[in-house]
N, C-alpha and C. Protein backbone atom coordinates (compact mmCIF):
# COMPACT_ATOMS: atom_id res chain seq x y z
N UNK A 1 92.39 -57.55 31.79
CA UNK A 1 93.60 -57.45 32.62
C UNK A 1 93.70 -56.04 33.21
N UNK A 2 93.89 -55.95 34.56
CA UNK A 2 93.97 -54.62 35.17
C UNK A 2 95.34 -54.00 34.92
N UNK A 3 95.43 -52.70 35.27
CA UNK A 3 96.65 -51.94 34.99
C UNK A 3 97.87 -52.58 35.62
N UNK A 4 97.75 -52.96 36.89
CA UNK A 4 98.91 -53.49 37.61
C UNK A 4 99.39 -54.81 37.00
N UNK A 5 98.44 -55.71 36.74
CA UNK A 5 98.80 -57.02 36.19
C UNK A 5 99.49 -56.88 34.84
N UNK A 6 99.07 -55.89 34.06
CA UNK A 6 99.68 -55.66 32.75
C UNK A 6 101.15 -55.27 32.86
N UNK A 7 101.54 -54.81 34.03
CA UNK A 7 102.93 -54.36 34.22
C UNK A 7 103.73 -55.34 35.08
N UNK A 8 103.28 -56.59 35.16
CA UNK A 8 103.99 -57.58 35.99
C UNK A 8 105.42 -57.78 35.51
N UNK A 9 105.60 -57.90 34.18
CA UNK A 9 106.95 -58.10 33.65
C UNK A 9 107.83 -56.89 33.95
N UNK A 10 107.28 -55.68 33.75
CA UNK A 10 108.04 -54.47 34.08
C UNK A 10 108.44 -54.47 35.54
N UNK A 11 107.51 -54.88 36.40
CA UNK A 11 107.80 -54.90 37.83
C UNK A 11 108.92 -55.87 38.16
N UNK A 12 108.92 -57.04 37.52
CA UNK A 12 109.94 -58.04 37.83
C UNK A 12 111.34 -57.55 37.45
N UNK A 13 111.46 -56.85 36.31
CA UNK A 13 112.77 -56.29 35.93
C UNK A 13 113.11 -55.11 36.85
N UNK A 14 112.11 -54.34 37.20
CA UNK A 14 112.26 -53.24 38.15
C UNK A 14 112.83 -53.77 39.47
N UNK A 15 112.26 -54.89 39.92
CA UNK A 15 112.73 -55.51 41.17
C UNK A 15 114.14 -56.05 41.00
N UNK A 16 114.43 -56.64 39.85
CA UNK A 16 115.78 -57.13 39.58
C UNK A 16 116.79 -56.00 39.66
N UNK A 17 116.40 -54.84 39.17
CA UNK A 17 117.27 -53.65 39.24
C UNK A 17 117.56 -53.28 40.69
N UNK A 18 116.54 -53.33 41.52
CA UNK A 18 116.71 -52.95 42.92
C UNK A 18 117.51 -53.99 43.70
N UNK A 19 117.32 -55.26 43.38
CA UNK A 19 118.14 -56.31 44.01
C UNK A 19 119.60 -56.11 43.62
N UNK A 20 119.84 -55.82 42.35
CA UNK A 20 121.20 -55.59 41.87
C UNK A 20 121.83 -54.38 42.54
N UNK A 21 121.01 -53.36 42.80
CA UNK A 21 121.50 -52.18 43.50
C UNK A 21 121.87 -52.52 44.94
N UNK A 22 121.10 -53.41 45.55
CA UNK A 22 121.41 -53.84 46.92
C UNK A 22 122.71 -54.63 46.97
N UNK A 23 123.01 -55.32 45.87
CA UNK A 23 124.25 -56.10 45.79
C UNK A 23 125.44 -55.24 45.39
N UNK A 24 125.16 -54.18 44.62
CA UNK A 24 126.22 -53.29 44.14
C UNK A 24 125.69 -51.86 44.15
N UNK A 25 126.12 -51.03 45.10
CA UNK A 25 125.60 -49.67 45.23
C UNK A 25 125.88 -48.76 44.04
N UNK A 26 126.64 -49.25 43.07
CA UNK A 26 126.91 -48.47 41.86
C UNK A 26 126.08 -48.93 40.67
N UNK A 27 125.21 -49.93 40.89
CA UNK A 27 124.51 -50.54 39.76
C UNK A 27 123.64 -49.54 39.00
N UNK A 28 122.78 -48.81 39.70
CA UNK A 28 121.88 -47.87 39.03
C UNK A 28 122.66 -46.78 38.31
N UNK A 29 123.69 -46.26 38.97
CA UNK A 29 124.52 -45.24 38.34
C UNK A 29 125.14 -45.76 37.05
N UNK A 30 125.55 -47.02 37.07
CA UNK A 30 126.19 -47.61 35.89
C UNK A 30 125.21 -47.81 34.74
N UNK A 31 124.01 -48.29 35.02
CA UNK A 31 123.07 -48.52 33.92
C UNK A 31 122.58 -47.20 33.34
N UNK A 32 122.53 -46.17 34.18
CA UNK A 32 122.18 -44.84 33.67
C UNK A 32 123.30 -44.30 32.79
N UNK A 33 124.54 -44.47 33.27
CA UNK A 33 125.70 -44.01 32.52
C UNK A 33 125.81 -44.72 31.17
N UNK A 34 125.52 -46.02 31.16
CA UNK A 34 125.64 -46.82 29.95
C UNK A 34 124.36 -46.81 29.12
N UNK A 35 123.33 -46.14 29.64
CA UNK A 35 122.04 -46.08 28.95
C UNK A 35 121.54 -47.48 28.60
N UNK A 36 121.55 -48.34 29.60
CA UNK A 36 121.16 -49.73 29.43
C UNK A 36 119.66 -49.83 29.16
N UNK A 37 119.29 -50.07 27.92
CA UNK A 37 117.89 -50.03 27.51
C UNK A 37 117.05 -51.10 28.20
N UNK A 38 117.62 -52.27 28.41
CA UNK A 38 116.85 -53.37 29.01
C UNK A 38 116.33 -52.98 30.39
N UNK A 39 117.22 -52.57 31.26
CA UNK A 39 116.79 -52.22 32.60
C UNK A 39 116.03 -50.89 32.62
N UNK A 40 116.55 -49.89 31.97
CA UNK A 40 115.97 -48.55 32.06
C UNK A 40 114.58 -48.48 31.46
N UNK A 41 114.32 -49.23 30.41
CA UNK A 41 112.99 -49.19 29.79
C UNK A 41 111.92 -49.71 30.74
N UNK A 42 112.22 -50.79 31.45
CA UNK A 42 111.26 -51.35 32.40
C UNK A 42 111.11 -50.44 33.62
N UNK A 43 112.22 -49.91 34.10
CA UNK A 43 112.17 -48.99 35.23
C UNK A 43 111.36 -47.76 34.86
N UNK A 44 111.56 -47.28 33.64
CA UNK A 44 110.83 -46.09 33.17
C UNK A 44 109.33 -46.33 33.17
N UNK A 45 108.90 -47.52 32.76
CA UNK A 45 107.47 -47.82 32.72
C UNK A 45 106.85 -47.72 34.11
N UNK A 46 107.52 -48.27 35.11
CA UNK A 46 107.01 -48.20 36.48
C UNK A 46 107.09 -46.77 37.01
N UNK A 47 108.18 -46.07 36.72
CA UNK A 47 108.32 -44.68 37.15
C UNK A 47 107.23 -43.80 36.56
N UNK A 48 106.81 -44.10 35.34
CA UNK A 48 105.74 -43.33 34.69
C UNK A 48 104.41 -43.52 35.41
N UNK A 49 104.14 -44.74 35.84
CA UNK A 49 102.92 -45.00 36.62
C UNK A 49 102.94 -44.21 37.91
N UNK A 50 104.09 -44.25 38.59
CA UNK A 50 104.24 -43.52 39.85
C UNK A 50 104.03 -42.02 39.64
N UNK A 51 104.66 -41.47 38.60
CA UNK A 51 104.54 -40.04 38.33
C UNK A 51 103.10 -39.65 38.02
N UNK A 52 102.40 -40.50 37.27
CA UNK A 52 101.01 -40.22 36.92
C UNK A 52 100.11 -40.21 38.15
N UNK A 53 100.28 -41.21 39.00
CA UNK A 53 99.43 -41.30 40.20
C UNK A 53 99.77 -40.18 41.19
N UNK A 54 101.03 -39.82 41.28
CA UNK A 54 101.40 -38.68 42.13
C UNK A 54 100.76 -37.39 41.63
N UNK A 55 100.73 -37.23 40.30
CA UNK A 55 100.12 -36.04 39.71
C UNK A 55 98.63 -35.97 40.05
N UNK A 56 97.95 -37.10 39.99
CA UNK A 56 96.53 -37.13 40.32
C UNK A 56 96.30 -36.84 41.80
N UNK A 57 97.13 -37.43 42.65
CA UNK A 57 97.00 -37.20 44.09
C UNK A 57 97.28 -35.75 44.44
N UNK A 58 98.18 -35.12 43.69
CA UNK A 58 98.53 -33.71 43.96
C UNK A 58 97.33 -32.79 43.75
N UNK A 59 96.39 -33.23 42.93
CA UNK A 59 95.23 -32.42 42.63
C UNK A 59 94.07 -32.66 43.60
N UNK A 60 94.24 -33.63 44.50
CA UNK A 60 93.14 -34.00 45.41
C UNK A 60 92.99 -33.04 46.58
N UNK A 61 94.11 -32.46 47.01
CA UNK A 61 94.07 -31.58 48.17
C UNK A 61 94.91 -30.33 47.90
N UNK A 62 94.77 -29.36 48.77
CA UNK A 62 95.57 -28.14 48.69
C UNK A 62 96.87 -28.40 49.45
N UNK A 63 97.96 -28.53 48.70
CA UNK A 63 99.24 -28.91 49.30
C UNK A 63 99.99 -27.69 49.84
N UNK A 64 100.15 -27.64 51.16
CA UNK A 64 101.05 -26.66 51.76
C UNK A 64 102.46 -27.02 51.32
N UNK A 65 103.24 -26.04 50.94
CA UNK A 65 104.57 -26.31 50.38
C UNK A 65 105.50 -26.98 51.40
N UNK A 66 105.33 -26.65 52.66
CA UNK A 66 106.15 -27.29 53.70
C UNK A 66 105.73 -28.75 53.88
N UNK A 67 104.44 -29.01 53.80
CA UNK A 67 103.95 -30.39 53.86
C UNK A 67 104.51 -31.20 52.69
N UNK A 68 104.50 -30.61 51.50
CA UNK A 68 105.01 -31.30 50.31
C UNK A 68 106.50 -31.61 50.47
N UNK A 69 107.26 -30.65 51.01
CA UNK A 69 108.70 -30.88 51.24
C UNK A 69 108.92 -32.06 52.19
N UNK A 70 108.13 -32.10 53.25
CA UNK A 70 108.29 -33.17 54.24
C UNK A 70 107.96 -34.53 53.65
N UNK A 71 106.84 -34.61 52.96
CA UNK A 71 106.40 -35.91 52.44
C UNK A 71 107.35 -36.43 51.36
N UNK A 72 107.98 -35.54 50.61
CA UNK A 72 108.89 -35.97 49.55
C UNK A 72 110.32 -36.20 50.05
N UNK A 73 110.64 -35.71 51.22
CA UNK A 73 111.99 -35.84 51.75
C UNK A 73 112.16 -37.06 52.65
N UNK A 74 111.17 -37.31 53.50
CA UNK A 74 111.29 -38.37 54.49
C UNK A 74 110.41 -39.56 54.12
N UNK A 75 110.98 -40.77 54.03
CA UNK A 75 110.23 -41.93 53.55
C UNK A 75 109.27 -42.55 54.55
N UNK A 76 109.36 -42.16 55.82
CA UNK A 76 108.52 -42.78 56.83
C UNK A 76 107.46 -41.79 57.31
N UNK A 77 106.21 -42.19 57.29
CA UNK A 77 105.11 -41.34 57.73
C UNK A 77 104.53 -41.89 59.02
N UNK A 78 104.32 -41.00 59.98
CA UNK A 78 103.75 -41.39 61.27
C UNK A 78 102.40 -40.71 61.42
N UNK A 79 101.37 -41.50 61.71
CA UNK A 79 100.01 -40.99 61.82
C UNK A 79 99.46 -41.33 63.20
N UNK A 80 99.02 -40.29 63.91
CA UNK A 80 98.47 -40.49 65.25
C UNK A 80 97.12 -39.79 65.35
N UNK A 81 96.23 -40.29 66.20
CA UNK A 81 94.94 -39.61 66.40
C UNK A 81 95.18 -38.22 67.00
N UNK A 82 94.31 -37.28 66.70
CA UNK A 82 94.44 -35.93 67.23
C UNK A 82 93.11 -35.46 67.79
N UNK A 83 93.18 -34.96 69.01
CA UNK A 83 92.02 -34.33 69.65
C UNK A 83 92.47 -33.01 70.22
N UNK A 84 91.85 -31.93 69.79
CA UNK A 84 92.24 -30.60 70.26
C UNK A 84 91.93 -30.44 71.75
N UNK A 85 92.83 -29.74 72.44
CA UNK A 85 92.63 -29.49 73.87
C UNK A 85 91.41 -28.61 74.09
N UNK A 86 90.67 -28.93 75.14
CA UNK A 86 89.51 -28.12 75.48
C UNK A 86 88.34 -28.32 74.53
N UNK A 87 88.45 -29.33 73.67
CA UNK A 87 87.36 -29.59 72.76
C UNK A 87 87.25 -28.61 71.60
N UNK A 88 88.22 -27.72 71.48
CA UNK A 88 88.19 -26.74 70.38
C UNK A 88 88.61 -27.41 69.07
N UNK A 89 87.77 -27.29 68.07
CA UNK A 89 88.06 -27.93 66.80
C UNK A 89 89.05 -27.11 65.99
N UNK A 90 89.92 -27.83 65.27
CA UNK A 90 90.90 -27.17 64.42
C UNK A 90 90.74 -27.68 63.00
N UNK A 91 90.73 -26.77 62.04
CA UNK A 91 90.54 -27.15 60.65
C UNK A 91 91.76 -27.85 60.08
N UNK A 92 91.52 -28.71 59.12
CA UNK A 92 92.58 -29.42 58.41
C UNK A 92 93.53 -28.42 57.75
N UNK A 93 94.82 -28.69 57.85
CA UNK A 93 95.84 -27.79 57.29
C UNK A 93 96.16 -28.10 55.83
N UNK A 94 95.45 -29.07 55.24
CA UNK A 94 95.80 -29.46 53.87
C UNK A 94 94.68 -29.24 52.86
N UNK A 95 93.47 -29.05 53.31
CA UNK A 95 92.38 -28.88 52.35
C UNK A 95 91.67 -27.54 52.58
N UNK A 96 90.93 -27.14 51.56
CA UNK A 96 90.21 -25.86 51.64
C UNK A 96 88.73 -26.08 51.93
N UNK A 97 88.40 -27.22 52.51
CA UNK A 97 87.00 -27.58 52.73
C UNK A 97 86.54 -27.34 54.16
N UNK A 98 87.47 -26.94 55.02
CA UNK A 98 87.10 -26.63 56.39
C UNK A 98 86.80 -27.85 57.24
N UNK A 99 87.29 -29.03 56.84
CA UNK A 99 87.06 -30.23 57.62
C UNK A 99 87.88 -30.20 58.91
N UNK A 100 87.37 -30.88 59.93
CA UNK A 100 88.03 -30.90 61.23
C UNK A 100 89.24 -31.84 61.21
N UNK A 101 90.33 -31.41 61.83
CA UNK A 101 91.53 -32.25 61.91
C UNK A 101 91.31 -33.39 62.88
N UNK A 102 91.59 -34.60 62.42
CA UNK A 102 91.44 -35.79 63.25
C UNK A 102 92.74 -36.57 63.40
N UNK A 103 93.77 -36.18 62.63
CA UNK A 103 95.04 -36.90 62.66
C UNK A 103 96.20 -35.91 62.79
N UNK A 104 97.24 -36.36 63.49
CA UNK A 104 98.50 -35.62 63.55
C UNK A 104 99.51 -36.43 62.75
N UNK A 105 100.07 -35.81 61.71
CA UNK A 105 100.95 -36.52 60.78
C UNK A 105 102.35 -35.91 60.82
N UNK A 106 103.35 -36.76 60.90
CA UNK A 106 104.74 -36.31 60.89
C UNK A 106 105.56 -37.25 60.01
N UNK A 107 106.77 -36.83 59.66
CA UNK A 107 107.60 -37.59 58.72
C UNK A 107 109.00 -37.77 59.28
N UNK A 108 109.59 -38.93 58.97
CA UNK A 108 110.93 -39.25 59.48
C UNK A 108 111.54 -40.30 58.56
N UNK A 109 112.71 -40.79 58.93
CA UNK A 109 113.34 -41.86 58.17
C UNK A 109 114.65 -41.45 57.54
N UNK A 110 115.35 -42.43 57.00
CA UNK A 110 116.66 -42.22 56.37
C UNK A 110 116.53 -41.36 55.12
N UNK A 111 117.30 -40.31 55.06
CA UNK A 111 117.35 -39.49 53.85
C UNK A 111 118.17 -40.21 52.80
N UNK A 112 117.78 -40.05 51.53
CA UNK A 112 118.46 -40.78 50.47
C UNK A 112 118.43 -40.01 49.17
N UNK A 113 119.34 -40.39 48.28
CA UNK A 113 119.36 -39.81 46.94
C UNK A 113 118.25 -40.45 46.13
N UNK A 114 117.37 -39.66 45.56
CA UNK A 114 116.18 -40.19 44.89
C UNK A 114 116.53 -40.99 43.64
N UNK A 115 117.67 -40.73 43.04
CA UNK A 115 118.07 -41.45 41.83
C UNK A 115 118.84 -42.72 42.14
N UNK A 116 119.86 -42.63 42.99
CA UNK A 116 120.71 -43.78 43.28
C UNK A 116 120.24 -44.60 44.48
N UNK A 117 119.36 -44.02 45.29
CA UNK A 117 118.82 -44.65 46.51
C UNK A 117 119.85 -44.76 47.63
N UNK A 118 121.04 -44.20 47.42
CA UNK A 118 122.08 -44.23 48.45
C UNK A 118 121.76 -43.24 49.56
N UNK A 119 122.16 -43.55 50.80
CA UNK A 119 121.91 -42.62 51.91
C UNK A 119 122.54 -41.26 51.66
N UNK A 120 121.87 -40.22 52.13
CA UNK A 120 122.41 -38.87 51.98
C UNK A 120 122.31 -38.14 53.31
N UNK A 121 123.00 -37.01 53.39
CA UNK A 121 122.99 -36.21 54.60
C UNK A 121 121.76 -35.31 54.63
N UNK A 122 121.56 -34.66 55.78
CA UNK A 122 120.43 -33.74 55.94
C UNK A 122 120.46 -32.70 54.83
N UNK A 123 119.38 -32.58 54.05
CA UNK A 123 119.38 -31.64 52.93
C UNK A 123 119.11 -30.21 53.37
N UNK A 124 119.51 -29.29 52.54
CA UNK A 124 119.17 -27.90 52.77
C UNK A 124 118.05 -27.56 51.78
N UNK A 125 116.82 -27.76 52.20
CA UNK A 125 115.69 -27.58 51.30
C UNK A 125 115.16 -26.15 51.34
N UNK A 126 114.63 -25.72 50.22
CA UNK A 126 114.20 -24.34 50.07
C UNK A 126 113.08 -23.96 51.03
N UNK A 127 112.21 -24.91 51.35
CA UNK A 127 111.07 -24.59 52.21
C UNK A 127 110.98 -25.54 53.41
N UNK A 128 112.13 -26.10 53.80
CA UNK A 128 112.10 -27.18 54.78
C UNK A 128 111.84 -26.68 56.20
N UNK A 129 110.88 -27.30 56.82
CA UNK A 129 110.60 -27.06 58.23
C UNK A 129 109.94 -28.34 58.75
N UNK A 130 110.62 -29.04 59.60
CA UNK A 130 110.07 -30.29 60.11
C UNK A 130 109.10 -30.01 61.24
N UNK A 131 107.88 -30.45 61.04
CA UNK A 131 106.87 -30.25 62.08
C UNK A 131 105.71 -31.21 61.85
N UNK A 132 104.80 -31.24 62.82
CA UNK A 132 103.60 -32.06 62.68
C UNK A 132 102.56 -31.29 61.87
N UNK A 133 101.69 -32.06 61.21
CA UNK A 133 100.62 -31.46 60.43
C UNK A 133 99.29 -32.04 60.91
N UNK A 134 98.31 -31.18 61.07
CA UNK A 134 96.98 -31.59 61.51
C UNK A 134 96.09 -31.72 60.28
N UNK A 135 95.61 -32.95 60.04
CA UNK A 135 94.87 -33.23 58.82
C UNK A 135 93.54 -33.92 59.11
N UNK A 136 92.59 -33.72 58.21
CA UNK A 136 91.33 -34.46 58.29
C UNK A 136 91.58 -35.89 57.79
N UNK A 137 90.60 -36.75 57.94
CA UNK A 137 90.78 -38.16 57.58
C UNK A 137 91.07 -38.32 56.09
N UNK A 138 90.34 -37.61 55.23
CA UNK A 138 90.53 -37.75 53.79
C UNK A 138 91.91 -37.28 53.36
N UNK A 139 92.35 -36.14 53.85
CA UNK A 139 93.67 -35.62 53.49
C UNK A 139 94.78 -36.52 54.01
N UNK A 140 94.56 -37.13 55.17
CA UNK A 140 95.55 -38.07 55.70
C UNK A 140 95.72 -39.24 54.74
N UNK A 141 94.61 -39.75 54.22
CA UNK A 141 94.67 -40.86 53.27
C UNK A 141 95.43 -40.47 52.01
N UNK A 142 95.17 -39.25 51.51
CA UNK A 142 95.83 -38.78 50.30
C UNK A 142 97.33 -38.60 50.54
N UNK A 143 97.69 -37.99 51.65
CA UNK A 143 99.10 -37.75 51.97
C UNK A 143 99.83 -39.08 52.16
N UNK A 144 99.20 -40.03 52.83
CA UNK A 144 99.82 -41.34 53.02
C UNK A 144 100.03 -42.04 51.69
N UNK A 145 99.03 -41.98 50.81
CA UNK A 145 99.15 -42.61 49.49
C UNK A 145 100.25 -41.94 48.67
N UNK A 146 100.32 -40.61 48.74
CA UNK A 146 101.35 -39.88 48.01
C UNK A 146 102.74 -40.28 48.52
N UNK A 147 102.88 -40.39 49.83
CA UNK A 147 104.15 -40.80 50.42
C UNK A 147 104.55 -42.19 49.93
N UNK A 148 103.59 -43.11 49.91
CA UNK A 148 103.88 -44.47 49.45
C UNK A 148 104.29 -44.49 47.98
N UNK A 149 103.65 -43.65 47.16
CA UNK A 149 103.99 -43.61 45.76
C UNK A 149 105.37 -42.97 45.55
N UNK A 150 105.60 -41.84 46.20
CA UNK A 150 106.85 -41.11 46.00
C UNK A 150 108.05 -41.95 46.43
N UNK A 151 107.90 -42.68 47.52
CA UNK A 151 109.01 -43.47 48.07
C UNK A 151 108.91 -44.95 47.71
N UNK A 152 108.09 -45.28 46.72
CA UNK A 152 107.90 -46.68 46.34
C UNK A 152 109.21 -47.38 46.01
N UNK A 153 110.03 -46.73 45.19
CA UNK A 153 111.28 -47.36 44.77
C UNK A 153 112.22 -47.58 45.96
N UNK A 154 112.31 -46.58 46.83
CA UNK A 154 113.19 -46.70 48.00
C UNK A 154 112.68 -47.78 48.95
N UNK A 155 111.36 -47.81 49.18
CA UNK A 155 110.80 -48.81 50.09
C UNK A 155 111.01 -50.22 49.56
N UNK A 156 110.84 -50.39 48.25
CA UNK A 156 111.09 -51.69 47.65
C UNK A 156 112.58 -52.05 47.71
N UNK A 157 113.41 -51.05 47.48
CA UNK A 157 114.85 -51.27 47.58
C UNK A 157 115.24 -51.73 48.98
N UNK A 158 114.65 -51.14 49.99
CA UNK A 158 114.92 -51.53 51.38
C UNK A 158 114.53 -52.99 51.61
N UNK A 159 113.39 -53.39 51.06
CA UNK A 159 112.97 -54.79 51.19
C UNK A 159 113.93 -55.73 50.46
N UNK A 160 114.41 -55.29 49.31
CA UNK A 160 115.38 -56.10 48.55
C UNK A 160 116.69 -56.21 49.32
N UNK A 161 117.11 -55.11 49.92
CA UNK A 161 118.35 -55.11 50.71
C UNK A 161 118.23 -56.05 51.90
N UNK A 162 117.06 -56.05 52.54
CA UNK A 162 116.83 -56.96 53.67
C UNK A 162 116.89 -58.42 53.21
N UNK A 163 116.33 -58.68 52.03
CA UNK A 163 116.34 -60.04 51.48
C UNK A 163 117.78 -60.47 51.18
N UNK A 164 118.54 -59.60 50.56
CA UNK A 164 119.93 -59.88 50.23
C UNK A 164 120.75 -60.13 51.50
N UNK A 165 120.56 -59.29 52.49
CA UNK A 165 121.31 -59.43 53.75
C UNK A 165 120.96 -60.73 54.47
N UNK A 166 119.69 -61.12 54.37
CA UNK A 166 119.26 -62.37 55.00
C UNK A 166 119.95 -63.57 54.35
N UNK A 167 120.04 -63.55 53.01
CA UNK A 167 120.71 -64.64 52.29
C UNK A 167 122.20 -64.66 52.61
N UNK A 168 122.81 -63.48 52.65
CA UNK A 168 124.24 -63.38 52.96
C UNK A 168 124.55 -63.90 54.35
N UNK A 169 123.68 -63.60 55.30
CA UNK A 169 123.92 -64.01 56.68
C UNK A 169 123.87 -65.53 56.83
N UNK A 170 123.06 -66.18 55.99
CA UNK A 170 122.95 -67.64 56.08
C UNK A 170 124.14 -68.33 55.40
N UNK A 171 124.74 -67.61 54.42
CA UNK A 171 125.91 -68.16 53.74
C UNK A 171 126.74 -67.01 53.15
N UNK A 172 127.67 -66.47 53.94
CA UNK A 172 128.47 -65.31 53.51
C UNK A 172 129.33 -65.58 52.28
N UNK A 173 129.53 -66.85 51.93
CA UNK A 173 130.41 -67.17 50.81
C UNK A 173 129.70 -67.07 49.45
N UNK A 174 128.40 -66.92 49.45
CA UNK A 174 127.66 -66.88 48.19
C UNK A 174 128.03 -65.65 47.37
N UNK A 175 128.23 -65.84 46.08
CA UNK A 175 128.55 -64.73 45.20
C UNK A 175 127.28 -63.97 44.80
N UNK A 176 127.49 -62.76 44.33
CA UNK A 176 126.36 -61.87 44.05
C UNK A 176 125.38 -62.44 43.03
N UNK A 177 125.91 -63.06 41.97
CA UNK A 177 125.01 -63.58 40.93
C UNK A 177 124.17 -64.74 41.44
N UNK A 178 124.70 -65.48 42.42
CA UNK A 178 123.95 -66.58 43.03
C UNK A 178 122.83 -66.02 43.90
N UNK A 179 123.14 -64.98 44.65
CA UNK A 179 122.14 -64.34 45.50
C UNK A 179 121.03 -63.74 44.65
N UNK A 180 121.41 -63.08 43.56
CA UNK A 180 120.43 -62.49 42.65
C UNK A 180 119.49 -63.56 42.11
N UNK A 181 120.05 -64.66 41.68
CA UNK A 181 119.23 -65.74 41.13
C UNK A 181 118.32 -66.33 42.19
N UNK A 182 118.82 -66.44 43.40
CA UNK A 182 118.01 -66.96 44.51
C UNK A 182 116.80 -66.06 44.73
N UNK A 183 117.00 -64.76 44.70
CA UNK A 183 115.90 -63.81 44.89
C UNK A 183 114.88 -63.91 43.76
N UNK A 184 115.37 -63.99 42.52
CA UNK A 184 114.49 -63.99 41.36
C UNK A 184 113.69 -65.28 41.25
N UNK A 185 114.19 -66.35 41.87
CA UNK A 185 113.47 -67.62 41.84
C UNK A 185 112.47 -67.76 42.98
N UNK A 186 112.48 -66.80 43.89
CA UNK A 186 111.54 -66.84 45.02
C UNK A 186 110.23 -66.18 44.58
N UNK A 187 109.41 -66.93 43.88
CA UNK A 187 108.16 -66.39 43.33
C UNK A 187 107.19 -65.95 44.42
N UNK A 188 107.20 -66.63 45.55
CA UNK A 188 106.31 -66.25 46.65
C UNK A 188 106.65 -64.85 47.15
N UNK A 189 107.92 -64.58 47.32
CA UNK A 189 108.38 -63.25 47.78
C UNK A 189 108.06 -62.18 46.74
N UNK A 190 108.34 -62.48 45.46
CA UNK A 190 108.08 -61.51 44.40
C UNK A 190 106.59 -61.20 44.29
N UNK A 191 105.75 -62.22 44.35
CA UNK A 191 104.31 -62.02 44.25
C UNK A 191 103.76 -61.23 45.44
N UNK A 192 104.37 -61.44 46.60
CA UNK A 192 103.95 -60.69 47.79
C UNK A 192 104.26 -59.20 47.61
N UNK A 193 105.45 -58.89 47.11
CA UNK A 193 105.82 -57.50 46.87
C UNK A 193 104.93 -56.88 45.79
N UNK A 194 104.68 -57.63 44.74
CA UNK A 194 103.82 -57.13 43.67
C UNK A 194 102.40 -56.88 44.18
N UNK A 195 101.95 -57.75 45.06
CA UNK A 195 100.62 -57.57 45.65
C UNK A 195 100.53 -56.28 46.46
N UNK A 196 101.59 -55.97 47.18
CA UNK A 196 101.62 -54.72 47.95
C UNK A 196 101.55 -53.51 47.03
N UNK A 197 102.31 -53.57 45.94
CA UNK A 197 102.33 -52.46 44.99
C UNK A 197 100.96 -52.30 44.34
N UNK A 198 100.35 -53.41 43.95
CA UNK A 198 99.02 -53.36 43.35
C UNK A 198 98.02 -52.73 44.31
N UNK A 199 98.12 -53.08 45.58
CA UNK A 199 97.21 -52.52 46.59
C UNK A 199 97.38 -51.01 46.71
N UNK A 200 98.63 -50.54 46.71
CA UNK A 200 98.89 -49.10 46.80
C UNK A 200 98.35 -48.39 45.56
N UNK A 201 98.59 -48.95 44.39
CA UNK A 201 98.11 -48.34 43.15
C UNK A 201 96.58 -48.27 43.14
N UNK A 202 95.94 -49.33 43.62
CA UNK A 202 94.48 -49.36 43.67
C UNK A 202 93.94 -48.30 44.62
N UNK A 203 94.60 -48.16 45.76
CA UNK A 203 94.19 -47.13 46.73
C UNK A 203 94.29 -45.74 46.12
N UNK A 204 95.38 -45.49 45.40
CA UNK A 204 95.56 -44.19 44.76
C UNK A 204 94.45 -43.92 43.74
N UNK A 205 94.11 -44.92 42.96
CA UNK A 205 93.06 -44.76 41.95
C UNK A 205 91.72 -44.46 42.60
N UNK A 206 91.43 -45.12 43.72
CA UNK A 206 90.17 -44.89 44.43
C UNK A 206 90.10 -43.49 45.02
N UNK A 207 91.22 -43.01 45.56
CA UNK A 207 91.25 -41.68 46.16
C UNK A 207 91.12 -40.58 45.12
N UNK A 208 91.51 -40.89 43.89
CA UNK A 208 91.51 -39.87 42.83
C UNK A 208 90.22 -39.83 42.02
N UNK A 209 89.25 -40.66 42.38
CA UNK A 209 87.99 -40.67 41.65
C UNK A 209 87.19 -39.39 41.92
């Protein structure tokens, strides 16, 4: 059994937590306040995987502190091809190997509280400077994987919120517990999300070899 499959049960409770948060924006705050072992233990297991893979990815390249601030602050990464004007080559801004920059990478998206996942205002970060970064192909892959890992919970939460809103729009009278049960019984949707997570985890493992 591979690492991801071994955590299927943890993932399902993790997803239930995020669906519940989409239904009640105070849900995560409440289970933390009450130290709810059932939910928090499963969430912790997934969070530990994320933290471990982020740690490994952090060692793959030389992280500029401004790049790190951007990737951890903004959940959306934009990657475009880059060709220097006049044919002059420019070195990658993220690694110490002198590779040529082939991608222009920038970050955007809704700012949010990393714990509660609720929207937040523009932060005052210690090293914040929003700009494009010129990266080689390998560093682009690492940065993209790190972004996906760091914002995994928020991205999944967004998908859960979209699912909840879709069900509500079809029948606004449905109560929260009914919507939750509807989501949890949609095995096709859950397996699709789990497949995406497994793919991201596998990519991270391959990049860290």
